[in-house]
Amino acid sequence: MTRIAAADRRAALVQAALRVVAERGVQAATTRAIVAEAGMSLASFHYVFTSRDELMSELVAFVVAQQERALVPVLTPGEGPADLRDAVRAGLQTYFDVVRSDPQREKAMFELTHYAMRSPGLEHLARLQYRSYYALAENALAVASELTGADWDRPLNDIATLLVVLTDGLTISWLVNRDDAAVESILDFAADAVARLATIPSTARTP
C-alpha cells in the first residue's frame, strides 16, 4: 500500500472538511464524517491533527489563501484602469467571479464564522478570518490608489472595513438568490460609493 505523506494527508482532510461543512454544516463535520469523506481512517486523522479544532483553524487559513491566490490580478500592481472607480469596479468583479466559481467554499466560510462565534474558545477563528479579509481589502485599495494616483480621504483600514462589509452583503445575497443581474447593480453601487472616499490629484493618470 502506498504511504501518503503527512502534508498530503493534511491537505486531503482539509479539503474533505470543506466539502462536509459546505454541504452539511459545521456541526455535522465530525472527525468521522471528515475521514469518511476523505476515504481515510480515524488513525490517519489523529496522525496529522491533534484535534478537530486544529483542522478547522487550518481550514480557515486554507480558504483565505485560496481567495488570495484567486485575487492576485487585483492585488498585483501593473497596468489597469486609470480611473479609480473603474479600478475598484474591476476588483469587485474579480472578487465576485471568485465567489461564483465556488459557492460551496463561500457557504463553508459563513458556516465557520458562525460556528466560531458560537463556540467558547474558538472566537479567534472568526477574528483570524476577518483579519485576513481586511488585509486583502486594504491591499487591493492600496493597489487601486497606486494604479490611478488617487489619495484616499480616510485611513485605509477604515475603507477596507467598509469594503468587506459590502462584499459580505453581496456574497450572502448572491448565495441566497443566485441573481447575477442584481449583483451587477450592487457592484456598480459599491464601486461608486468607495470611489467617493478618495481625492483625484491633478497629476493622477487620465484615460
N, C-alpha and C. Protein backbone atom coordinates (compact mmCIF):
# COMPACT_ATOMS: atom_id res chain seq x y z
N MET A 1 0.85 -1.19 0.00
CA MET A 1 0.00 0.00 0.00
C MET A 1 0.89 1.24 0.00
N THR A 2 0.57 2.21 -0.85
CA THR A 2 1.38 3.43 -0.93
C THR A 2 1.20 4.27 0.32
N ARG A 3 2.32 4.69 0.88
CA ARG A 3 2.28 5.53 2.07
C ARG A 3 2.04 6.99 1.64
N ILE A 4 1.08 7.66 2.31
CA ILE A 4 0.75 9.04 1.98
C ILE A 4 1.52 9.97 2.91
N ALA A 5 2.19 10.95 2.34
CA ALA A 5 2.95 11.90 3.14
C ALA A 5 2.01 12.67 4.06
N ALA A 6 2.53 13.06 5.23
CA ALA A 6 1.71 13.75 6.22
C ALA A 6 1.10 15.03 5.64
N ALA A 7 1.88 15.77 4.88
CA ALA A 7 1.36 17.02 4.30
C ALA A 7 0.21 16.74 3.35
N ASP A 8 0.31 15.64 2.59
CA ASP A 8 -0.76 15.28 1.66
C ASP A 8 -2.01 14.82 2.42
N ARG A 9 -1.82 14.13 3.53
CA ARG A 9 -2.96 13.72 4.34
C ARG A 9 -3.68 14.94 4.90
N ARG A 10 -2.90 15.89 5.41
CA ARG A 10 -3.50 17.11 5.96
C ARG A 10 -4.30 17.84 4.88
N ALA A 11 -3.72 17.98 3.70
CA ALA A 11 -4.40 18.69 2.61
C ALA A 11 -5.69 17.98 2.22
N ALA A 12 -5.66 16.65 2.14
CA ALA A 12 -6.85 15.89 1.77
C ALA A 12 -7.94 16.02 2.83
N LEU A 13 -7.54 16.01 4.09
CA LEU A 13 -8.52 16.14 5.17
C LEU A 13 -9.13 17.54 5.21
N VAL A 14 -8.31 18.55 4.94
CA VAL A 14 -8.82 19.93 4.91
C VAL A 14 -9.85 20.07 3.79
N GLN A 15 -9.55 19.55 2.62
CA GLN A 15 -10.48 19.66 1.50
C GLN A 15 -11.75 18.84 1.76
N ALA A 16 -11.60 17.70 2.42
CA ALA A 16 -12.78 16.91 2.78
C ALA A 16 -13.63 17.67 3.79
N ALA A 17 -12.99 18.31 4.75
CA ALA A 17 -13.72 19.09 5.75
C ALA A 17 -14.48 20.24 5.08
N LEU A 18 -13.86 20.87 4.09
CA LEU A 18 -14.52 21.96 3.36
C LEU A 18 -15.80 21.45 2.70
N ARG A 19 -15.74 20.29 2.08
CA ARG A 19 -16.92 19.75 1.41
C ARG A 19 -18.02 19.41 2.42
N VAL A 20 -17.64 18.80 3.53
CA VAL A 20 -18.63 18.42 4.54
C VAL A 20 -19.28 19.66 5.16
N VAL A 21 -18.47 20.65 5.51
CA VAL A 21 -19.00 21.87 6.11
C VAL A 21 -19.96 22.57 5.15
N ALA A 22 -19.57 22.67 3.89
CA ALA A 22 -20.40 23.36 2.90
C ALA A 22 -21.73 22.64 2.67
N GLU A 23 -21.69 21.32 2.66
CA GLU A 23 -22.89 20.54 2.33
C GLU A 23 -23.78 20.28 3.53
N ARG A 24 -23.16 20.11 4.74
CA ARG A 24 -23.95 19.67 5.89
C ARG A 24 -23.81 20.56 7.12
N GLY A 25 -22.91 21.53 7.08
CA GLY A 25 -22.73 22.40 8.22
C GLY A 25 -21.60 21.95 9.13
N VAL A 26 -21.14 22.86 9.98
CA VAL A 26 -20.01 22.56 10.86
C VAL A 26 -20.37 21.49 11.88
N GLN A 27 -21.58 21.54 12.42
CA GLN A 27 -21.96 20.56 13.43
C GLN A 27 -21.86 19.13 12.90
N ALA A 28 -22.14 18.98 11.61
CA ALA A 28 -22.09 17.64 11.01
C ALA A 28 -20.67 17.23 10.63
N ALA A 29 -19.74 18.18 10.70
CA ALA A 29 -18.37 17.90 10.29
C ALA A 29 -17.59 17.28 11.44
N THR A 30 -18.01 16.10 11.85
CA THR A 30 -17.30 15.36 12.88
C THR A 30 -16.03 14.75 12.27
N THR A 31 -15.15 14.31 13.13
CA THR A 31 -13.93 13.68 12.60
C THR A 31 -14.29 12.44 11.78
N ARG A 32 -15.29 11.71 12.22
CA ARG A 32 -15.70 10.50 11.47
C ARG A 32 -16.25 10.88 10.10
N ALA A 33 -17.06 11.94 10.05
CA ALA A 33 -17.62 12.36 8.75
C ALA A 33 -16.52 12.84 7.82
N ILE A 34 -15.55 13.53 8.38
CA ILE A 34 -14.47 14.08 7.55
C ILE A 34 -13.58 12.97 7.00
N VAL A 35 -13.21 12.03 7.85
CA VAL A 35 -12.34 10.95 7.35
C VAL A 35 -13.10 10.07 6.35
N ALA A 36 -14.40 9.90 6.56
CA ALA A 36 -15.19 9.13 5.60
C ALA A 36 -15.21 9.83 4.25
N GLU A 37 -15.37 11.16 4.26
CA GLU A 37 -15.36 11.93 3.02
C GLU A 37 -14.00 11.84 2.34
N ALA A 38 -12.93 11.81 3.14
CA ALA A 38 -11.58 11.75 2.59
C ALA A 38 -11.15 10.34 2.22
N GLY A 39 -11.94 9.34 2.63
CA GLY A 39 -11.56 7.95 2.37
C GLY A 39 -10.38 7.51 3.21
N MET A 40 -10.32 8.02 4.45
CA MET A 40 -9.22 7.67 5.36
C MET A 40 -9.77 7.09 6.65
N SER A 41 -8.86 6.64 7.50
CA SER A 41 -9.23 6.09 8.79
C SER A 41 -9.10 7.17 9.86
N LEU A 42 -9.71 6.92 11.02
CA LEU A 42 -9.55 7.84 12.15
C LEU A 42 -8.09 7.94 12.57
N ALA A 43 -7.38 6.84 12.45
CA ALA A 43 -5.96 6.86 12.82
C ALA A 43 -5.19 7.83 11.93
N SER A 44 -5.57 7.91 10.65
CA SER A 44 -4.92 8.85 9.74
C SER A 44 -5.16 10.28 10.18
N PHE A 45 -6.38 10.55 10.65
CA PHE A 45 -6.70 11.90 11.13
C PHE A 45 -5.80 12.27 12.31
N HIS A 46 -5.75 11.39 13.30
CA HIS A 46 -5.01 11.70 14.52
C HIS A 46 -3.49 11.66 14.31
N TYR A 47 -3.08 11.12 13.18
CA TYR A 47 -1.66 11.13 12.84
C TYR A 47 -1.20 12.53 12.45
N VAL A 48 -2.09 13.31 11.87
CA VAL A 48 -1.68 14.63 11.36
C VAL A 48 -2.35 15.80 12.07
N PHE A 49 -3.47 15.57 12.80
CA PHE A 49 -4.13 16.64 13.55
C PHE A 49 -4.32 16.22 15.00
N THR A 50 -4.12 17.16 15.90
CA THR A 50 -4.31 16.84 17.32
C THR A 50 -5.78 16.94 17.72
N SER A 51 -6.58 17.70 16.96
CA SER A 51 -7.98 17.88 17.30
C SER A 51 -8.75 18.37 16.08
N ARG A 52 -10.06 18.28 16.20
CA ARG A 52 -10.93 18.82 15.14
C ARG A 52 -10.77 20.34 15.04
N ASP A 53 -10.59 21.01 16.19
CA ASP A 53 -10.43 22.46 16.17
C ASP A 53 -9.18 22.87 15.42
N GLU A 54 -8.12 22.07 15.54
CA GLU A 54 -6.90 22.38 14.78
C GLU A 54 -7.18 22.28 13.27
N LEU A 55 -7.96 21.28 12.89
CA LEU A 55 -8.33 21.14 11.49
C LEU A 55 -9.16 22.34 11.02
N MET A 56 -10.11 22.78 11.84
CA MET A 56 -10.96 23.91 11.47
C MET A 56 -10.13 25.18 11.31
N SER A 57 -9.14 25.35 12.17
CA SER A 57 -8.26 26.51 12.06
C SER A 57 -7.48 26.47 10.75
N GLU A 58 -7.00 25.29 10.39
CA GLU A 58 -6.27 25.16 9.13
C GLU A 58 -7.20 25.33 7.93
N LEU A 59 -8.46 24.92 8.09
CA LEU A 59 -9.43 25.09 7.01
C LEU A 59 -9.66 26.58 6.72
N VAL A 60 -9.77 27.39 7.78
CA VAL A 60 -9.92 28.84 7.58
C VAL A 60 -8.71 29.40 6.82
N ALA A 61 -7.51 29.04 7.26
CA ALA A 61 -6.29 29.53 6.61
C ALA A 61 -6.23 29.07 5.15
N PHE A 62 -6.65 27.83 4.89
CA PHE A 62 -6.62 27.28 3.53
C PHE A 62 -7.54 28.05 2.60
N VAL A 63 -8.76 28.33 3.04
CA VAL A 63 -9.72 29.01 2.17
C VAL A 63 -9.32 30.46 1.93
N VAL A 64 -8.83 31.12 2.98
CA VAL A 64 -8.38 32.50 2.80
C VAL A 64 -7.21 32.55 1.81
N ALA A 65 -6.30 31.60 1.90
CA ALA A 65 -5.18 31.55 0.97
C ALA A 65 -5.66 31.29 -0.46
N GLN A 66 -6.68 30.44 -0.60
CA GLN A 66 -7.28 30.21 -1.93
C GLN A 66 -7.81 31.51 -2.51
N GLN A 67 -8.52 32.26 -1.69
CA GLN A 67 -9.10 33.52 -2.15
C GLN A 67 -8.01 34.51 -2.53
N GLU A 68 -6.96 34.54 -1.74
CA GLU A 68 -5.87 35.48 -2.03
C GLU A 68 -5.21 35.14 -3.36
N ARG A 69 -4.99 33.85 -3.62
CA ARG A 69 -4.39 33.46 -4.89
C ARG A 69 -5.29 33.82 -6.06
N ALA A 70 -6.60 33.64 -5.87
CA ALA A 70 -7.53 33.96 -6.95
C ALA A 70 -7.58 35.46 -7.23
N LEU A 71 -7.26 36.26 -6.21
CA LEU A 71 -7.33 37.72 -6.35
C LEU A 71 -5.99 38.34 -6.71
N VAL A 72 -5.01 37.51 -7.05
CA VAL A 72 -3.68 38.03 -7.40
C VAL A 72 -3.74 39.14 -8.46
N PRO A 73 -4.56 39.01 -9.52
CA PRO A 73 -4.61 40.10 -10.50
C PRO A 73 -5.02 41.44 -9.89
N VAL A 74 -5.85 41.40 -8.86
CA VAL A 74 -6.29 42.63 -8.21
C VAL A 74 -5.22 43.16 -7.28
N LEU A 75 -4.48 42.27 -6.64
CA LEU A 75 -3.52 42.65 -5.61
C LEU A 75 -2.14 42.96 -6.15
N THR A 76 -1.92 42.77 -7.45
CA THR A 76 -0.61 42.99 -8.04
C THR A 76 -0.60 44.27 -8.86
N PRO A 77 0.23 45.25 -8.48
CA PRO A 77 0.29 46.48 -9.27
C PRO A 77 0.72 46.19 -10.70
N GLY A 78 0.18 46.97 -11.62
CA GLY A 78 0.52 46.79 -13.03
C GLY A 78 -0.40 47.64 -13.86
N GLU A 79 -0.56 47.27 -15.11
CA GLU A 79 -1.47 48.03 -15.95
C GLU A 79 -2.91 47.75 -15.54
N GLY A 80 -3.71 48.78 -15.58
CA GLY A 80 -5.12 48.62 -15.22
C GLY A 80 -5.88 49.89 -15.51
N PRO A 81 -7.15 49.94 -15.12
CA PRO A 81 -7.94 51.14 -15.39
C PRO A 81 -7.31 52.37 -14.75
N ALA A 82 -7.28 53.49 -15.49
CA ALA A 82 -6.71 54.73 -14.96
C ALA A 82 -7.67 55.43 -14.03
N ASP A 83 -8.96 55.14 -14.17
CA ASP A 83 -9.99 55.76 -13.35
C ASP A 83 -10.20 54.95 -12.07
N LEU A 84 -10.22 55.61 -10.91
CA LEU A 84 -10.32 54.90 -9.64
C LEU A 84 -11.61 54.09 -9.57
N ARG A 85 -12.71 54.70 -9.96
CA ARG A 85 -13.99 54.00 -9.90
C ARG A 85 -13.93 52.72 -10.73
N ASP A 86 -13.34 52.80 -11.91
CA ASP A 86 -13.24 51.63 -12.77
C ASP A 86 -12.30 50.58 -12.18
N ALA A 87 -11.23 51.04 -11.52
CA ALA A 87 -10.30 50.11 -10.89
C ALA A 87 -10.98 49.35 -9.75
N VAL A 88 -11.75 50.08 -8.93
CA VAL A 88 -12.48 49.43 -7.84
C VAL A 88 -13.53 48.48 -8.40
N ARG A 89 -14.22 48.91 -9.43
CA ARG A 89 -15.25 48.06 -10.04
C ARG A 89 -14.64 46.78 -10.61
N ALA A 90 -13.48 46.90 -11.25
CA ALA A 90 -12.81 45.72 -11.80
C ALA A 90 -12.39 44.76 -10.69
N GLY A 91 -11.90 45.31 -9.58
CA GLY A 91 -11.51 44.47 -8.45
C GLY A 91 -12.70 43.75 -7.84
N LEU A 92 -13.82 44.47 -7.70
CA LEU A 92 -15.03 43.85 -7.18
C LEU A 92 -15.54 42.75 -8.10
N GLN A 93 -15.43 42.98 -9.40
CA GLN A 93 -15.87 41.95 -10.35
C GLN A 93 -15.02 40.69 -10.21
N THR A 94 -13.71 40.88 -10.05
CA THR A 94 -12.84 39.72 -9.86
C THR A 94 -13.21 38.97 -8.59
N TYR A 95 -13.49 39.73 -7.52
CA TYR A 95 -13.93 39.10 -6.27
C TYR A 95 -15.19 38.27 -6.49
N PHE A 96 -16.18 38.86 -7.17
CA PHE A 96 -17.42 38.13 -7.38
C PHE A 96 -17.21 36.91 -8.27
N ASP A 97 -16.35 37.02 -9.25
CA ASP A 97 -16.06 35.87 -10.11
C ASP A 97 -15.50 34.71 -9.28
N VAL A 98 -14.68 35.04 -8.27
CA VAL A 98 -14.14 34.02 -7.36
C VAL A 98 -15.28 33.39 -6.56
N VAL A 99 -16.19 34.21 -6.05
CA VAL A 99 -17.34 33.70 -5.30
C VAL A 99 -18.17 32.76 -6.17
N ARG A 100 -18.50 33.22 -7.38
CA ARG A 100 -19.36 32.45 -8.26
C ARG A 100 -18.70 31.15 -8.71
N SER A 101 -17.37 31.13 -8.77
CA SER A 101 -16.67 29.92 -9.23
C SER A 101 -16.74 28.78 -8.23
N ASP A 102 -16.98 29.09 -6.95
CA ASP A 102 -17.00 28.03 -5.93
C ASP A 102 -17.95 28.41 -4.79
N PRO A 103 -19.27 28.34 -5.03
CA PRO A 103 -20.23 28.70 -3.99
C PRO A 103 -20.08 27.86 -2.72
N GLN A 104 -19.69 26.60 -2.87
CA GLN A 104 -19.55 25.73 -1.70
C GLN A 104 -18.52 26.27 -0.73
N ARG A 105 -17.42 26.79 -1.27
CA ARG A 105 -16.38 27.36 -0.40
C ARG A 105 -16.94 28.54 0.39
N GLU A 106 -17.72 29.40 -0.28
CA GLU A 106 -18.26 30.57 0.40
C GLU A 106 -19.26 30.16 1.48
N LYS A 107 -20.08 29.17 1.18
CA LYS A 107 -21.01 28.67 2.19
C LYS A 107 -20.26 28.12 3.39
N ALA A 108 -19.18 27.43 3.14
CA ALA A 108 -18.38 26.87 4.23
C ALA A 108 -17.80 27.97 5.11
N MET A 109 -17.35 29.06 4.50
CA MET A 109 -16.75 30.13 5.28
C MET A 109 -17.78 30.81 6.18
N PHE A 110 -18.99 31.02 5.69
CA PHE A 110 -20.04 31.57 6.55
C PHE A 110 -20.35 30.61 7.69
N GLU A 111 -20.42 29.32 7.38
CA GLU A 111 -20.66 28.32 8.42
C GLU A 111 -19.58 28.39 9.50
N LEU A 112 -18.34 28.47 9.07
CA LEU A 112 -17.23 28.50 10.02
C LEU A 112 -17.27 29.76 10.89
N THR A 113 -17.60 30.89 10.28
CA THR A 113 -17.68 32.13 11.05
C THR A 113 -18.71 32.01 12.16
N HIS A 114 -19.91 31.56 11.81
CA HIS A 114 -20.97 31.45 12.81
C HIS A 114 -20.63 30.42 13.88
N TYR A 115 -20.04 29.32 13.46
CA TYR A 115 -19.65 28.28 14.43
C TYR A 115 -18.62 28.82 15.42
N ALA A 116 -17.63 29.54 14.91
CA ALA A 116 -16.58 30.08 15.78
C ALA A 116 -17.16 31.08 16.77
N MET A 117 -18.08 31.93 16.32
CA MET A 117 -18.66 32.93 17.22
C MET A 117 -19.52 32.29 18.30
N ARG A 118 -20.09 31.13 18.02
CA ARG A 118 -20.95 30.45 18.99
C ARG A 118 -20.19 29.52 19.92
N SER A 119 -18.93 29.28 19.63
CA SER A 119 -18.17 28.26 20.37
C SER A 119 -17.13 28.90 21.28
N PRO A 120 -17.33 28.85 22.60
CA PRO A 120 -16.35 29.41 23.53
C PRO A 120 -14.96 28.83 23.27
N GLY A 121 -13.99 29.72 23.17
CA GLY A 121 -12.62 29.29 22.92
C GLY A 121 -12.23 29.27 21.46
N LEU A 122 -13.22 29.40 20.57
CA LEU A 122 -12.92 29.36 19.14
C LEU A 122 -13.17 30.72 18.46
N GLU A 123 -13.51 31.72 19.26
CA GLU A 123 -13.80 33.04 18.68
C GLU A 123 -12.63 33.56 17.85
N HIS A 124 -11.42 33.13 18.20
CA HIS A 124 -10.23 33.61 17.49
C HIS A 124 -10.26 33.20 16.01
N LEU A 125 -10.97 32.10 15.70
CA LEU A 125 -11.03 31.67 14.29
C LEU A 125 -11.79 32.70 13.45
N ALA A 126 -12.88 33.23 14.00
CA ALA A 126 -13.64 34.25 13.27
C ALA A 126 -12.80 35.52 13.13
N ARG A 127 -12.09 35.89 14.19
CA ARG A 127 -11.24 37.09 14.12
C ARG A 127 -10.11 36.89 13.12
N LEU A 128 -9.52 35.70 13.11
CA LEU A 128 -8.47 35.39 12.14
C LEU A 128 -9.00 35.51 10.71
N GLN A 129 -10.17 34.97 10.48
CA GLN A 129 -10.79 35.00 9.16
C GLN A 129 -10.97 36.45 8.70
N TYR A 130 -11.52 37.29 9.57
CA TYR A 130 -11.81 38.66 9.16
C TYR A 130 -10.57 39.55 9.13
N ARG A 131 -9.58 39.25 9.93
CA ARG A 131 -8.31 39.99 9.80
C ARG A 131 -7.72 39.74 8.42
N SER A 132 -7.84 38.51 7.94
CA SER A 132 -7.34 38.20 6.61
C SER A 132 -8.14 38.93 5.54
N TYR A 133 -9.46 38.99 5.70
CA TYR A 133 -10.29 39.72 4.74
C TYR A 133 -9.93 41.20 4.71
N TYR A 134 -9.75 41.80 5.89
CA TYR A 134 -9.42 43.22 5.95
C TYR A 134 -8.07 43.49 5.29
N ALA A 135 -7.12 42.59 5.53
CA ALA A 135 -5.80 42.76 4.92
C ALA A 135 -5.87 42.67 3.40
N LEU A 136 -6.65 41.72 2.88
CA LEU A 136 -6.82 41.60 1.43
C LEU A 136 -7.46 42.86 0.85
N ALA A 137 -8.50 43.36 1.52
CA ALA A 137 -9.18 44.56 1.04
C ALA A 137 -8.25 45.77 1.08
N GLU A 138 -7.48 45.89 2.15
CA GLU A 138 -6.57 47.03 2.27
C GLU A 138 -5.50 46.98 1.17
N ASN A 139 -5.00 45.80 0.90
CA ASN A 139 -4.00 45.64 -0.16
C ASN A 139 -4.59 46.03 -1.51
N ALA A 140 -5.82 45.58 -1.79
CA ALA A 140 -6.47 45.90 -3.06
C ALA A 140 -6.69 47.40 -3.21
N LEU A 141 -7.08 48.06 -2.13
CA LEU A 141 -7.29 49.51 -2.17
C LEU A 141 -5.98 50.26 -2.39
N ALA A 142 -4.92 49.76 -1.79
CA ALA A 142 -3.61 50.39 -1.99
C ALA A 142 -3.17 50.26 -3.44
N VAL A 143 -3.42 49.10 -4.04
CA VAL A 143 -3.08 48.90 -5.45
C VAL A 143 -3.91 49.83 -6.34
N ALA A 144 -5.20 49.98 -6.04
CA ALA A 144 -6.05 50.88 -6.82
C ALA A 144 -5.54 52.31 -6.75
N SER A 145 -5.08 52.72 -5.57
CA SER A 145 -4.52 54.06 -5.42
C SER A 145 -3.25 54.21 -6.23
N GLU A 146 -2.41 53.18 -6.20
CA GLU A 146 -1.15 53.23 -6.95
C GLU A 146 -1.41 53.27 -8.46
N LEU A 147 -2.40 52.52 -8.92
CA LEU A 147 -2.70 52.47 -10.35
C LEU A 147 -3.22 53.80 -10.87
N THR A 148 -3.99 54.51 -10.04
CA THR A 148 -4.72 55.68 -10.52
C THR A 148 -4.18 57.01 -10.01
N GLY A 149 -3.30 56.98 -9.02
CA GLY A 149 -2.80 58.23 -8.46
C GLY A 149 -3.75 58.89 -7.49
N ALA A 150 -4.83 58.20 -7.12
CA ALA A 150 -5.81 58.76 -6.19
C ALA A 150 -5.31 58.67 -4.75
N ASP A 151 -5.79 59.59 -3.92
CA ASP A 151 -5.45 59.58 -2.49
C ASP A 151 -6.72 59.32 -1.68
N TRP A 152 -6.68 58.33 -0.84
CA TRP A 152 -7.85 58.02 -0.01
C TRP A 152 -8.03 59.10 1.05
N ASP A 153 -9.27 59.51 1.29
CA ASP A 153 -9.58 60.59 2.22
C ASP A 153 -9.70 60.12 3.66
N ARG A 154 -9.77 58.82 3.85
CA ARG A 154 -9.88 58.23 5.19
C ARG A 154 -8.76 57.21 5.36
N PRO A 155 -8.49 56.82 6.61
CA PRO A 155 -7.49 55.77 6.82
C PRO A 155 -7.86 54.52 6.02
N LEU A 156 -6.85 53.92 5.42
CA LEU A 156 -7.08 52.78 4.53
C LEU A 156 -7.78 51.63 5.25
N ASN A 157 -7.47 51.43 6.52
CA ASN A 157 -8.09 50.31 7.23
C ASN A 157 -9.59 50.55 7.43
N ASP A 158 -10.00 51.83 7.56
CA ASP A 158 -11.43 52.12 7.68
C ASP A 158 -12.16 51.80 6.37
N ILE A 159 -11.56 52.19 5.25
CA ILE A 159 -12.20 51.92 3.96
C ILE A 159 -12.20 50.42 3.68
N ALA A 160 -11.14 49.73 4.09
CA ALA A 160 -11.09 48.27 3.91
C ALA A 160 -12.22 47.59 4.68
N THR A 161 -12.51 48.08 5.88
CA THR A 161 -13.61 47.51 6.66
C THR A 161 -14.93 47.70 5.93
N LEU A 162 -15.14 48.91 5.40
CA LEU A 162 -16.36 49.18 4.63
C LEU A 162 -16.45 48.25 3.42
N LEU A 163 -15.35 48.05 2.74
CA LEU A 163 -15.34 47.20 1.55
C LEU A 163 -15.70 45.76 1.91
N VAL A 164 -15.20 45.27 3.03
CA VAL A 164 -15.54 43.91 3.46
C VAL A 164 -17.02 43.81 3.82
N VAL A 165 -17.56 44.84 4.46
CA VAL A 165 -19.00 44.85 4.76
C VAL A 165 -19.81 44.75 3.47
N LEU A 166 -19.42 45.51 2.45
CA LEU A 166 -20.12 45.47 1.17
C LEU A 166 -20.01 44.10 0.50
N THR A 167 -18.82 43.53 0.49
CA THR A 167 -18.65 42.24 -0.18
C THR A 167 -19.32 41.11 0.60
N ASP A 168 -19.36 41.21 1.93
CA ASP A 168 -20.10 40.22 2.72
C ASP A 168 -21.57 40.22 2.33
N GLY A 169 -22.16 41.42 2.27
CA GLY A 169 -23.57 41.51 1.92
C GLY A 169 -23.83 41.00 0.51
N LEU A 170 -22.95 41.36 -0.40
CA LEU A 170 -23.08 40.89 -1.79
C LEU A 170 -23.03 39.36 -1.85
N THR A 171 -22.09 38.78 -1.12
CA THR A 171 -21.90 37.33 -1.16
C THR A 171 -23.10 36.58 -0.64
N ILE A 172 -23.59 36.97 0.54
CA ILE A 172 -24.72 36.23 1.12
C ILE A 172 -25.97 36.42 0.28
N SER A 173 -26.16 37.63 -0.28
CA SER A 173 -27.31 37.88 -1.15
C SER A 173 -27.27 36.99 -2.38
N TRP A 174 -26.09 36.86 -2.99
CA TRP A 174 -25.99 36.02 -4.18
C TRP A 174 -26.16 34.54 -3.85
N LEU A 175 -25.60 34.11 -2.73
CA LEU A 175 -25.74 32.70 -2.35
C LEU A 175 -27.21 32.34 -2.14
N VAL A 176 -27.99 33.28 -1.65
CA VAL A 176 -29.41 33.02 -1.42
C VAL A 176 -30.20 33.07 -2.72
N ASN A 177 -29.96 34.11 -3.53
CA ASN A 177 -30.81 34.37 -4.69
C ASN A 177 -30.23 33.92 -6.04
N ARG A 178 -28.90 33.80 -6.12
CA ARG A 178 -28.21 33.46 -7.37
C ARG A 178 -28.67 34.38 -8.52
N ASP A 179 -28.78 35.66 -8.22
CA ASP A 179 -29.26 36.66 -9.17
C ASP A 179 -28.07 37.48 -9.66
N ASP A 180 -27.49 37.09 -10.80
CA ASP A 180 -26.31 37.77 -11.32
C ASP A 180 -26.62 39.21 -11.73
N ALA A 181 -27.82 39.46 -12.24
CA ALA A 181 -28.17 40.82 -12.65
C ALA A 181 -28.21 41.76 -11.45
N ALA A 182 -28.75 41.28 -10.35
CA ALA A 182 -28.78 42.11 -9.14
C ALA A 182 -27.36 42.39 -8.65
N VAL A 183 -26.49 41.42 -8.77
CA VAL A 183 -25.11 41.61 -8.34
C VAL A 183 -24.44 42.72 -9.16
N GLU A 184 -24.71 42.78 -10.44
CA GLU A 184 -24.11 43.83 -11.27
C GLU A 184 -24.47 45.21 -10.73
N SER A 185 -25.71 45.39 -10.33
CA SER A 185 -26.14 46.67 -9.77
C SER A 185 -25.45 46.94 -8.44
N ILE A 186 -25.30 45.90 -7.62
CA ILE A 186 -24.63 46.06 -6.33
C ILE A 186 -23.16 46.43 -6.53
N LEU A 187 -22.51 45.79 -7.50
CA LEU A 187 -21.10 46.09 -7.78
C LEU A 187 -20.94 47.54 -8.24
N ASP A 188 -21.85 48.01 -9.06
CA ASP A 188 -21.80 49.40 -9.51
C ASP A 188 -21.96 50.35 -8.33
N PHE A 189 -22.93 50.07 -7.48
CA PHE A 189 -23.16 50.91 -6.30
C PHE A 189 -21.94 50.92 -5.40
N ALA A 190 -21.37 49.74 -5.14
CA ALA A 190 -20.21 49.65 -4.25
C ALA A 190 -19.02 50.41 -4.83
N ALA A 191 -18.79 50.28 -6.13
CA ALA A 191 -17.67 50.99 -6.76
C ALA A 191 -17.86 52.49 -6.67
N ASP A 192 -19.08 52.96 -6.92
CA ASP A 192 -19.37 54.39 -6.82
C ASP A 192 -19.13 54.89 -5.39
N ALA A 193 -19.63 54.13 -4.41
CA ALA A 193 -19.52 54.55 -3.01
C ALA A 193 -18.06 54.60 -2.55
N VAL A 194 -17.30 53.59 -2.89
CA VAL A 194 -15.90 53.55 -2.45
C VAL A 194 -15.08 54.63 -3.14
N ALA A 195 -15.32 54.84 -4.43
CA ALA A 195 -14.55 55.85 -5.18
C ALA A 195 -14.77 57.25 -4.63
N ARG A 196 -15.93 57.50 -4.04
CA ARG A 196 -16.21 58.83 -3.48
C ARG A 196 -15.37 59.12 -2.23
N LEU A 197 -14.71 58.10 -1.70
CA LEU A 197 -13.89 58.27 -0.49
C LEU A 197 -12.45 58.65 -0.85
N ALA A 198 -12.21 59.07 -2.08
CA ALA A 198 -10.86 59.41 -2.50
C ALA A 198 -10.85 60.75 -3.22
N THR A 199 -9.67 61.36 -3.23
CA THR A 199 -9.43 62.57 -3.98
C THR A 199 -8.51 62.27 -5.15
N ILE A 200 -8.85 62.78 -6.31
CA ILE A 200 -8.04 62.55 -7.51
C ILE A 200 -7.17 63.78 -7.77
N PRO A 201 -5.87 63.71 -7.47
CA PRO A 201 -5.00 64.88 -7.70
C PRO A 201 -4.93 65.22 -9.20
N SER A 202 -4.57 66.42 -9.50
CA SER A 202 -4.47 66.85 -10.90
C SER A 202 -3.39 66.09 -11.66
N THR A 203 -2.44 65.51 -10.90
CA THR A 203 -1.35 64.76 -11.54
C THR A 203 -1.69 63.29 -11.75
N ALA A 204 -2.93 62.90 -11.34
CA ALA A 204 -3.32 61.49 -11.47
C ALA A 204 -3.40 61.10 -12.93
N ARG A 205 -3.25 59.79 -13.21
CA ARG A 205 -3.36 59.30 -14.58
C ARG A 205 -4.75 59.59 -15.12
N THR A 206 -4.83 59.88 -16.36
CA THR A 206 -6.11 60.09 -17.03
C THR A 206 -6.21 59.11 -18.18
N PRO A 207 -7.45 58.70 -18.53
CA PRO A 207 -7.60 57.74 -19.63
C PRO A 207 -7.05 58.28 -20.92
